Amino acid sequence: MPNDKEHFIPIGREKLLECLTEFETCSESEQSKLKSFFELISSVLHKQYHERQIRVQKLYQPLDPDSVLILKDPETKNSSEVFKELIEILANANYRKLSTEELETAVDNATALGLRMKVDFSLFEELHVYGRGDEVQKWTKKSWWK
């Protein structure tokens, strides 16, 4: 994975608010205003996320293989809009698309760790695998029958 820094705050919302309101220069009135501001931001974000969820569900509905609805218009069965929305959501959540080389390395490493995996990537028309984080761990395979 690249060494680009991730763009997120590694602290929960409640803990951040708690830390901000504990500043010595923060009066009770300012603390109350800050809490109200946090609640307002939280409400706005919740509304935006909910609206986006509804939009993605509407886009996915014609593609859902378990749907009881039968669509007469083949034009409505277009996955590109769903993928466009999902890619944007994943990017906003600090996920990035893994390259074929990274996937092959992951499969090879899983096999080295004792997970028998064989993946024929040519079977997929499109393959989108996302991951996040930049932590790399090294494992040593140990034989348990020694």
N, C-alpha and C. Protein backbone atom coordinates (compact mmCIF):
# COMPACT_ATOMS: atom_id res chain seq x y z
N MET A 1 0.84 -1.18 0.00
CA MET A 1 0.00 0.00 0.00
C MET A 1 0.88 1.24 0.00
N PRO A 2 0.42 2.30 -0.64
CA PRO A 2 1.22 3.53 -0.65
C PRO A 2 1.32 4.13 0.75
N ASN A 3 2.30 4.98 0.92
CA ASN A 3 2.53 5.61 2.23
C ASN A 3 1.78 6.92 2.41
N ASP A 4 0.77 7.18 1.58
CA ASP A 4 -0.02 8.40 1.74
C ASP A 4 -0.70 8.37 3.09
N LYS A 5 -0.71 9.52 3.75
CA LYS A 5 -1.37 9.59 5.06
C LYS A 5 -2.88 9.52 4.87
N GLU A 6 -3.52 8.81 5.77
CA GLU A 6 -4.97 8.71 5.70
C GLU A 6 -5.58 10.00 6.23
N HIS A 7 -6.73 10.37 5.69
CA HIS A 7 -7.36 11.63 6.10
C HIS A 7 -8.58 11.35 6.99
N PHE A 8 -8.27 11.03 8.22
CA PHE A 8 -9.32 10.86 9.20
C PHE A 8 -8.78 11.25 10.57
N ILE A 9 -9.68 11.51 11.48
CA ILE A 9 -9.29 11.86 12.84
C ILE A 9 -9.42 10.58 13.68
N PRO A 10 -8.32 10.09 14.23
CA PRO A 10 -8.37 8.81 14.95
C PRO A 10 -8.91 8.95 16.37
N ILE A 11 -10.07 9.58 16.48
CA ILE A 11 -10.71 9.74 17.79
C ILE A 11 -12.21 9.77 17.55
N GLY A 12 -12.94 9.19 18.47
CA GLY A 12 -14.39 9.16 18.33
C GLY A 12 -15.01 10.54 18.56
N ARG A 13 -16.18 10.72 18.03
CA ARG A 13 -16.89 12.00 18.13
C ARG A 13 -17.12 12.43 19.57
N GLU A 14 -17.56 11.48 20.40
CA GLU A 14 -17.86 11.82 21.80
C GLU A 14 -16.59 12.22 22.55
N LYS A 15 -15.50 11.49 22.32
CA LYS A 15 -14.24 11.79 23.00
C LYS A 15 -13.70 13.15 22.53
N LEU A 16 -13.84 13.45 21.25
CA LEU A 16 -13.39 14.74 20.73
C LEU A 16 -14.16 15.88 21.39
N LEU A 17 -15.47 15.74 21.47
CA LEU A 17 -16.29 16.76 22.12
C LEU A 17 -15.91 16.91 23.58
N GLU A 18 -15.69 15.79 24.24
CA GLU A 18 -15.29 15.83 25.65
C GLU A 18 -13.97 16.58 25.83
N CYS A 19 -13.02 16.32 24.97
CA CYS A 19 -11.71 16.98 25.06
C CYS A 19 -11.82 18.48 24.78
N LEU A 20 -12.62 18.84 23.77
CA LEU A 20 -12.75 20.25 23.42
C LEU A 20 -13.43 21.06 24.52
N THR A 21 -14.43 20.45 25.14
CA THR A 21 -15.16 21.20 26.17
C THR A 21 -14.40 21.25 27.49
N GLU A 22 -13.32 20.50 27.62
CA GLU A 22 -12.53 20.53 28.85
C GLU A 22 -11.43 21.58 28.83
N PHE A 23 -11.31 22.34 27.73
CA PHE A 23 -10.30 23.40 27.69
C PHE A 23 -10.58 24.39 28.80
N GLU A 24 -9.54 24.84 29.45
CA GLU A 24 -9.68 25.76 30.59
C GLU A 24 -10.34 27.07 30.18
N THR A 25 -10.14 27.49 28.95
CA THR A 25 -10.69 28.77 28.50
C THR A 25 -12.12 28.64 27.99
N CYS A 26 -12.68 27.46 28.06
CA CYS A 26 -14.02 27.22 27.53
C CYS A 26 -15.05 27.42 28.66
N SER A 27 -15.83 28.48 28.55
CA SER A 27 -16.84 28.75 29.58
C SER A 27 -18.01 27.78 29.43
N GLU A 28 -18.89 27.76 30.42
CA GLU A 28 -20.06 26.86 30.36
C GLU A 28 -20.95 27.22 29.18
N SER A 29 -21.06 28.50 28.91
CA SER A 29 -21.86 28.96 27.77
C SER A 29 -21.25 28.46 26.46
N GLU A 30 -19.93 28.56 26.35
CA GLU A 30 -19.24 28.09 25.14
C GLU A 30 -19.33 26.57 25.02
N GLN A 31 -19.26 25.88 26.15
CA GLN A 31 -19.40 24.42 26.14
C GLN A 31 -20.78 24.03 25.61
N SER A 32 -21.80 24.73 26.07
CA SER A 32 -23.16 24.46 25.63
C SER A 32 -23.31 24.71 24.12
N LYS A 33 -22.74 25.83 23.66
CA LYS A 33 -22.80 26.15 22.23
C LYS A 33 -22.04 25.11 21.40
N LEU A 34 -20.90 24.67 21.91
CA LEU A 34 -20.10 23.67 21.21
C LEU A 34 -20.85 22.34 21.11
N LYS A 35 -21.51 21.95 22.20
CA LYS A 35 -22.30 20.72 22.20
C LYS A 35 -23.45 20.83 21.20
N SER A 36 -24.11 21.98 21.17
CA SER A 36 -25.20 22.20 20.21
C SER A 36 -24.70 22.14 18.78
N PHE A 37 -23.53 22.73 18.56
CA PHE A 37 -22.91 22.71 17.23
C PHE A 37 -22.61 21.27 16.80
N PHE A 38 -22.04 20.48 17.71
CA PHE A 38 -21.75 19.07 17.42
C PHE A 38 -23.03 18.31 17.08
N GLU A 39 -24.09 18.55 17.84
CA GLU A 39 -25.36 17.88 17.58
C GLU A 39 -25.92 18.27 16.22
N LEU A 40 -25.78 19.54 15.86
CA LEU A 40 -26.24 20.01 14.56
C LEU A 40 -25.46 19.34 13.42
N ILE A 41 -24.14 19.30 13.56
CA ILE A 41 -23.30 18.64 12.53
C ILE A 41 -23.69 17.16 12.43
N SER A 42 -23.86 16.52 13.57
CA SER A 42 -24.23 15.11 13.59
C SER A 42 -25.56 14.88 12.87
N SER A 43 -26.53 15.74 13.11
CA SER A 43 -27.84 15.62 12.47
C SER A 43 -27.75 15.80 10.96
N VAL A 44 -26.99 16.79 10.54
CA VAL A 44 -26.83 17.05 9.11
C VAL A 44 -26.15 15.86 8.42
N LEU A 45 -25.06 15.36 9.04
CA LEU A 45 -24.36 14.22 8.46
C LEU A 45 -25.25 12.99 8.41
N HIS A 46 -26.01 12.76 9.47
CA HIS A 46 -26.93 11.61 9.50
C HIS A 46 -27.93 11.70 8.36
N LYS A 47 -28.48 12.90 8.15
CA LYS A 47 -29.46 13.11 7.07
C LYS A 47 -28.82 12.86 5.72
N GLN A 48 -27.60 13.38 5.51
CA GLN A 48 -26.90 13.18 4.24
C GLN A 48 -26.62 11.70 3.98
N TYR A 49 -26.13 10.99 5.00
CA TYR A 49 -25.83 9.57 4.84
C TYR A 49 -27.10 8.77 4.56
N HIS A 50 -28.18 9.12 5.25
CA HIS A 50 -29.44 8.41 5.03
C HIS A 50 -29.95 8.63 3.61
N GLU A 51 -29.89 9.87 3.13
CA GLU A 51 -30.32 10.17 1.77
C GLU A 51 -29.48 9.40 0.75
N ARG A 52 -28.18 9.31 1.01
CA ARG A 52 -27.30 8.58 0.09
C ARG A 52 -27.64 7.09 0.11
N GLN A 53 -27.92 6.56 1.30
CA GLN A 53 -28.29 5.15 1.41
C GLN A 53 -29.55 4.86 0.60
N ILE A 54 -30.54 5.72 0.71
CA ILE A 54 -31.78 5.56 -0.05
C ILE A 54 -31.50 5.62 -1.55
N ARG A 55 -30.64 6.55 -1.97
CA ARG A 55 -30.28 6.69 -3.39
C ARG A 55 -29.60 5.40 -3.91
N VAL A 56 -28.67 4.86 -3.13
CA VAL A 56 -27.97 3.63 -3.55
C VAL A 56 -28.96 2.46 -3.60
N GLN A 57 -29.87 2.38 -2.62
CA GLN A 57 -30.86 1.31 -2.63
C GLN A 57 -31.75 1.40 -3.88
N LYS A 58 -32.14 2.61 -4.27
CA LYS A 58 -32.97 2.78 -5.47
C LYS A 58 -32.21 2.39 -6.73
N LEU A 59 -30.92 2.72 -6.77
CA LEU A 59 -30.11 2.36 -7.92
C LEU A 59 -29.89 0.85 -8.00
N TYR A 60 -29.77 0.21 -6.83
CA TYR A 60 -29.51 -1.22 -6.80
C TYR A 60 -30.76 -2.06 -7.05
N GLN A 61 -31.92 -1.54 -6.72
CA GLN A 61 -33.17 -2.30 -6.81
C GLN A 61 -33.34 -3.04 -8.14
N PRO A 62 -33.12 -2.42 -9.29
CA PRO A 62 -33.30 -3.16 -10.55
C PRO A 62 -32.27 -4.29 -10.74
N LEU A 63 -31.16 -4.23 -10.03
CA LEU A 63 -30.10 -5.24 -10.18
C LEU A 63 -30.21 -6.37 -9.18
N ASP A 64 -31.04 -6.20 -8.16
CA ASP A 64 -31.14 -7.17 -7.06
C ASP A 64 -31.68 -8.50 -7.58
N PRO A 65 -30.87 -9.56 -7.52
CA PRO A 65 -31.33 -10.86 -8.02
C PRO A 65 -32.43 -11.47 -7.15
N ASP A 66 -32.58 -10.99 -5.93
CA ASP A 66 -33.60 -11.51 -5.02
C ASP A 66 -34.88 -10.68 -5.03
N SER A 67 -34.93 -9.68 -5.88
CA SER A 67 -36.09 -8.80 -5.91
C SER A 67 -37.30 -9.53 -6.48
N VAL A 68 -38.47 -9.21 -5.95
CA VAL A 68 -39.71 -9.80 -6.47
C VAL A 68 -40.26 -8.96 -7.62
N LEU A 69 -39.68 -7.79 -7.85
CA LEU A 69 -40.12 -6.92 -8.93
C LEU A 69 -39.54 -7.40 -10.26
N ILE A 70 -40.35 -7.41 -11.29
CA ILE A 70 -39.88 -7.76 -12.62
C ILE A 70 -39.88 -6.47 -13.43
N LEU A 71 -38.70 -6.07 -13.87
CA LEU A 71 -38.58 -4.82 -14.62
C LEU A 71 -38.71 -5.10 -16.11
N LYS A 72 -39.56 -4.33 -16.75
CA LYS A 72 -39.78 -4.51 -18.18
C LYS A 72 -38.75 -3.75 -19.00
N ASP A 73 -38.19 -2.71 -18.42
CA ASP A 73 -37.26 -1.86 -19.15
C ASP A 73 -35.82 -2.28 -18.86
N PRO A 74 -35.13 -2.87 -19.88
CA PRO A 74 -33.73 -3.30 -19.64
C PRO A 74 -32.79 -2.12 -19.40
N GLU A 75 -33.20 -0.92 -19.77
CA GLU A 75 -32.37 0.27 -19.56
C GLU A 75 -32.16 0.54 -18.06
N THR A 76 -33.10 0.12 -17.24
CA THR A 76 -32.99 0.39 -15.81
C THR A 76 -31.98 -0.53 -15.13
N LYS A 77 -31.54 -1.57 -15.84
CA LYS A 77 -30.57 -2.51 -15.26
C LYS A 77 -29.16 -2.08 -15.62
N ASN A 78 -28.74 -0.93 -15.09
CA ASN A 78 -27.41 -0.40 -15.37
C ASN A 78 -26.64 -0.32 -14.05
N SER A 79 -25.57 -1.11 -13.96
CA SER A 79 -24.82 -1.16 -12.70
C SER A 79 -23.81 -0.03 -12.56
N SER A 80 -23.55 0.71 -13.63
CA SER A 80 -22.50 1.74 -13.56
C SER A 80 -22.82 2.82 -12.53
N GLU A 81 -24.07 3.21 -12.39
CA GLU A 81 -24.43 4.23 -11.41
C GLU A 81 -24.26 3.73 -9.99
N VAL A 82 -24.60 2.46 -9.76
CA VAL A 82 -24.43 1.88 -8.42
C VAL A 82 -22.95 1.86 -8.08
N PHE A 83 -22.12 1.38 -9.02
CA PHE A 83 -20.68 1.33 -8.77
C PHE A 83 -20.10 2.72 -8.55
N LYS A 84 -20.58 3.70 -9.32
CA LYS A 84 -20.09 5.08 -9.15
C LYS A 84 -20.36 5.57 -7.73
N GLU A 85 -21.56 5.33 -7.22
CA GLU A 85 -21.91 5.74 -5.86
C GLU A 85 -21.08 4.99 -4.82
N LEU A 86 -20.97 3.68 -5.00
CA LEU A 86 -20.23 2.87 -4.02
C LEU A 86 -18.75 3.23 -4.00
N ILE A 87 -18.17 3.50 -5.16
CA ILE A 87 -16.76 3.89 -5.23
C ILE A 87 -16.54 5.19 -4.48
N GLU A 88 -17.45 6.13 -4.64
CA GLU A 88 -17.34 7.41 -3.93
C GLU A 88 -17.49 7.23 -2.42
N ILE A 89 -18.43 6.37 -2.02
CA ILE A 89 -18.63 6.10 -0.59
C ILE A 89 -17.36 5.47 0.00
N LEU A 90 -16.80 4.50 -0.70
CA LEU A 90 -15.58 3.84 -0.22
C LEU A 90 -14.41 4.81 -0.15
N ALA A 91 -14.28 5.69 -1.14
CA ALA A 91 -13.20 6.68 -1.13
C ALA A 91 -13.35 7.62 0.06
N ASN A 92 -14.57 8.03 0.35
CA ASN A 92 -14.82 8.91 1.49
C ASN A 92 -14.53 8.23 2.82
N ALA A 93 -14.57 6.89 2.83
CA ALA A 93 -14.30 6.13 4.05
C ALA A 93 -12.85 5.66 4.10
N ASN A 94 -12.00 6.26 3.28
CA ASN A 94 -10.56 5.97 3.25
C ASN A 94 -10.21 4.60 2.67
N TYR A 95 -11.10 4.02 1.88
CA TYR A 95 -10.77 2.77 1.20
C TYR A 95 -10.16 3.12 -0.16
N ARG A 96 -9.31 2.24 -0.65
CA ARG A 96 -8.78 2.42 -1.99
C ARG A 96 -8.83 1.08 -2.71
N LYS A 97 -8.94 1.16 -4.02
CA LYS A 97 -9.03 -0.06 -4.82
C LYS A 97 -7.67 -0.74 -4.84
N LEU A 98 -7.67 -2.03 -4.60
CA LEU A 98 -6.43 -2.81 -4.63
C LEU A 98 -6.13 -3.22 -6.07
N SER A 99 -4.86 -3.17 -6.41
CA SER A 99 -4.44 -3.57 -7.76
C SER A 99 -4.45 -5.09 -7.87
N THR A 100 -4.40 -5.57 -9.10
CA THR A 100 -4.33 -7.00 -9.35
C THR A 100 -3.10 -7.60 -8.69
N GLU A 101 -1.99 -6.87 -8.76
CA GLU A 101 -0.75 -7.36 -8.15
C GLU A 101 -0.92 -7.52 -6.64
N GLU A 102 -1.59 -6.55 -6.00
CA GLU A 102 -1.81 -6.63 -4.56
C GLU A 102 -2.72 -7.81 -4.20
N LEU A 103 -3.72 -8.06 -5.05
CA LEU A 103 -4.61 -9.20 -4.81
C LEU A 103 -3.86 -10.51 -4.96
N GLU A 104 -3.04 -10.60 -5.99
CA GLU A 104 -2.26 -11.82 -6.21
C GLU A 104 -1.30 -12.06 -5.05
N THR A 105 -0.68 -10.99 -4.55
CA THR A 105 0.21 -11.11 -3.39
C THR A 105 -0.56 -11.59 -2.17
N ALA A 106 -1.75 -11.06 -1.97
CA ALA A 106 -2.57 -11.46 -0.82
C ALA A 106 -2.94 -12.94 -0.91
N VAL A 107 -3.30 -13.39 -2.10
CA VAL A 107 -3.64 -14.80 -2.29
C VAL A 107 -2.42 -15.68 -2.05
N ASP A 108 -1.28 -15.27 -2.58
CA ASP A 108 -0.04 -16.02 -2.36
C ASP A 108 0.32 -16.09 -0.88
N ASN A 109 0.18 -14.98 -0.17
CA ASN A 109 0.48 -14.96 1.26
C ASN A 109 -0.49 -15.82 2.06
N ALA A 110 -1.75 -15.82 1.66
CA ALA A 110 -2.73 -16.67 2.35
C ALA A 110 -2.37 -18.13 2.17
N THR A 111 -1.93 -18.50 0.98
CA THR A 111 -1.51 -19.87 0.72
C THR A 111 -0.29 -20.22 1.57
N ALA A 112 0.64 -19.29 1.69
CA ALA A 112 1.84 -19.52 2.49
C ALA A 112 1.50 -19.70 3.96
N LEU A 113 0.40 -19.12 4.39
CA LEU A 113 -0.01 -19.23 5.79
C LEU A 113 -0.87 -20.45 6.06
N GLY A 114 -1.08 -21.26 5.03
CA GLY A 114 -1.84 -22.49 5.23
C GLY A 114 -3.27 -22.44 4.74
N LEU A 115 -3.70 -21.32 4.20
CA LEU A 115 -5.04 -21.22 3.61
C LEU A 115 -4.91 -21.61 2.14
N ARG A 116 -5.53 -22.68 1.77
CA ARG A 116 -5.41 -23.14 0.38
C ARG A 116 -6.34 -22.31 -0.49
N MET A 117 -5.73 -21.46 -1.27
CA MET A 117 -6.50 -20.59 -2.14
C MET A 117 -5.94 -20.63 -3.55
N LYS A 118 -6.84 -20.72 -4.50
CA LYS A 118 -6.45 -20.61 -5.89
C LYS A 118 -7.52 -19.76 -6.55
N VAL A 119 -7.13 -18.62 -7.05
CA VAL A 119 -8.08 -17.70 -7.65
C VAL A 119 -7.69 -17.49 -9.10
N ASP A 120 -8.64 -17.72 -9.99
CA ASP A 120 -8.43 -17.46 -11.41
C ASP A 120 -9.06 -16.10 -11.71
N PHE A 121 -8.23 -15.06 -11.68
CA PHE A 121 -8.74 -13.70 -11.86
C PHE A 121 -9.32 -13.47 -13.25
N SER A 122 -8.97 -14.31 -14.21
CA SER A 122 -9.49 -14.14 -15.57
C SER A 122 -10.97 -14.48 -15.66
N LEU A 123 -11.52 -15.13 -14.64
CA LEU A 123 -12.94 -15.49 -14.66
C LEU A 123 -13.86 -14.30 -14.40
N PHE A 124 -13.29 -13.21 -13.92
CA PHE A 124 -14.09 -12.04 -13.56
C PHE A 124 -14.07 -11.01 -14.67
N GLU A 125 -15.27 -10.58 -15.08
CA GLU A 125 -15.36 -9.46 -16.02
C GLU A 125 -14.82 -8.21 -15.36
N GLU A 126 -15.29 -7.99 -14.14
CA GLU A 126 -14.82 -6.86 -13.33
C GLU A 126 -14.60 -7.39 -11.92
N LEU A 127 -13.52 -6.93 -11.31
CA LEU A 127 -13.24 -7.33 -9.94
C LEU A 127 -12.81 -6.08 -9.18
N HIS A 128 -13.60 -5.72 -8.20
CA HIS A 128 -13.31 -4.54 -7.40
C HIS A 128 -13.11 -4.99 -5.95
N VAL A 129 -11.90 -4.89 -5.46
CA VAL A 129 -11.61 -5.23 -4.07
C VAL A 129 -10.98 -4.00 -3.44
N TYR A 130 -11.52 -3.60 -2.31
CA TYR A 130 -11.05 -2.39 -1.64
C TYR A 130 -10.48 -2.74 -0.27
N GLY A 131 -9.56 -1.92 0.17
CA GLY A 131 -8.99 -2.08 1.50
C GLY A 131 -8.61 -0.72 2.04
N ARG A 132 -8.37 -0.68 3.33
CA ARG A 132 -7.91 0.57 3.91
C ARG A 132 -6.91 0.26 5.02
N GLY A 133 -6.14 1.27 5.33
CA GLY A 133 -5.10 1.11 6.33
C GLY A 133 -3.75 0.94 5.65
N ASP A 134 -2.72 1.19 6.42
CA ASP A 134 -1.39 1.07 5.84
C ASP A 134 -0.48 0.21 6.70
N GLU A 135 -1.09 -0.53 7.60
CA GLU A 135 -0.30 -1.38 8.48
C GLU A 135 0.07 -2.68 7.76
N VAL A 136 1.33 -3.03 7.85
CA VAL A 136 1.80 -4.27 7.25
C VAL A 136 2.30 -5.16 8.37
N GLN A 137 1.82 -6.38 8.37
CA GLN A 137 2.26 -7.33 9.39
C GLN A 137 3.03 -8.46 8.73
N LYS A 138 4.06 -8.91 9.41
CA LYS A 138 4.82 -10.05 8.93
C LYS A 138 4.53 -11.22 9.86
N TRP A 139 4.18 -12.33 9.29
CA TRP A 139 3.88 -13.53 10.05
C TRP A 139 4.92 -14.58 9.74
N THR A 140 5.20 -15.38 10.72
CA THR A 140 6.10 -16.50 10.52
C THR A 140 5.28 -17.77 10.63
N LYS A 141 5.35 -18.57 9.61
CA LYS A 141 4.61 -19.82 9.62
C LYS A 141 5.37 -20.82 10.48
N LYS A 142 4.66 -21.36 11.46
CA LYS A 142 5.27 -22.33 12.36
C LYS A 142 4.61 -23.69 12.15
N SER A 143 5.41 -24.70 12.15
CA SER A 143 4.88 -26.05 12.04
C SER A 143 4.43 -26.52 13.41
N TRP A 144 3.23 -27.04 13.52
CA TRP A 144 2.73 -27.47 14.81
C TRP A 144 3.05 -28.93 15.08
N TRP A 145 3.61 -29.64 14.09
CA TRP A 145 3.91 -31.05 14.31
C TRP A 145 5.36 -31.31 14.67
N LYS A 146 6.15 -30.29 14.95
CA LYS A 146 7.56 -30.48 15.30
C LYS A 146 7.72 -31.17 16.63
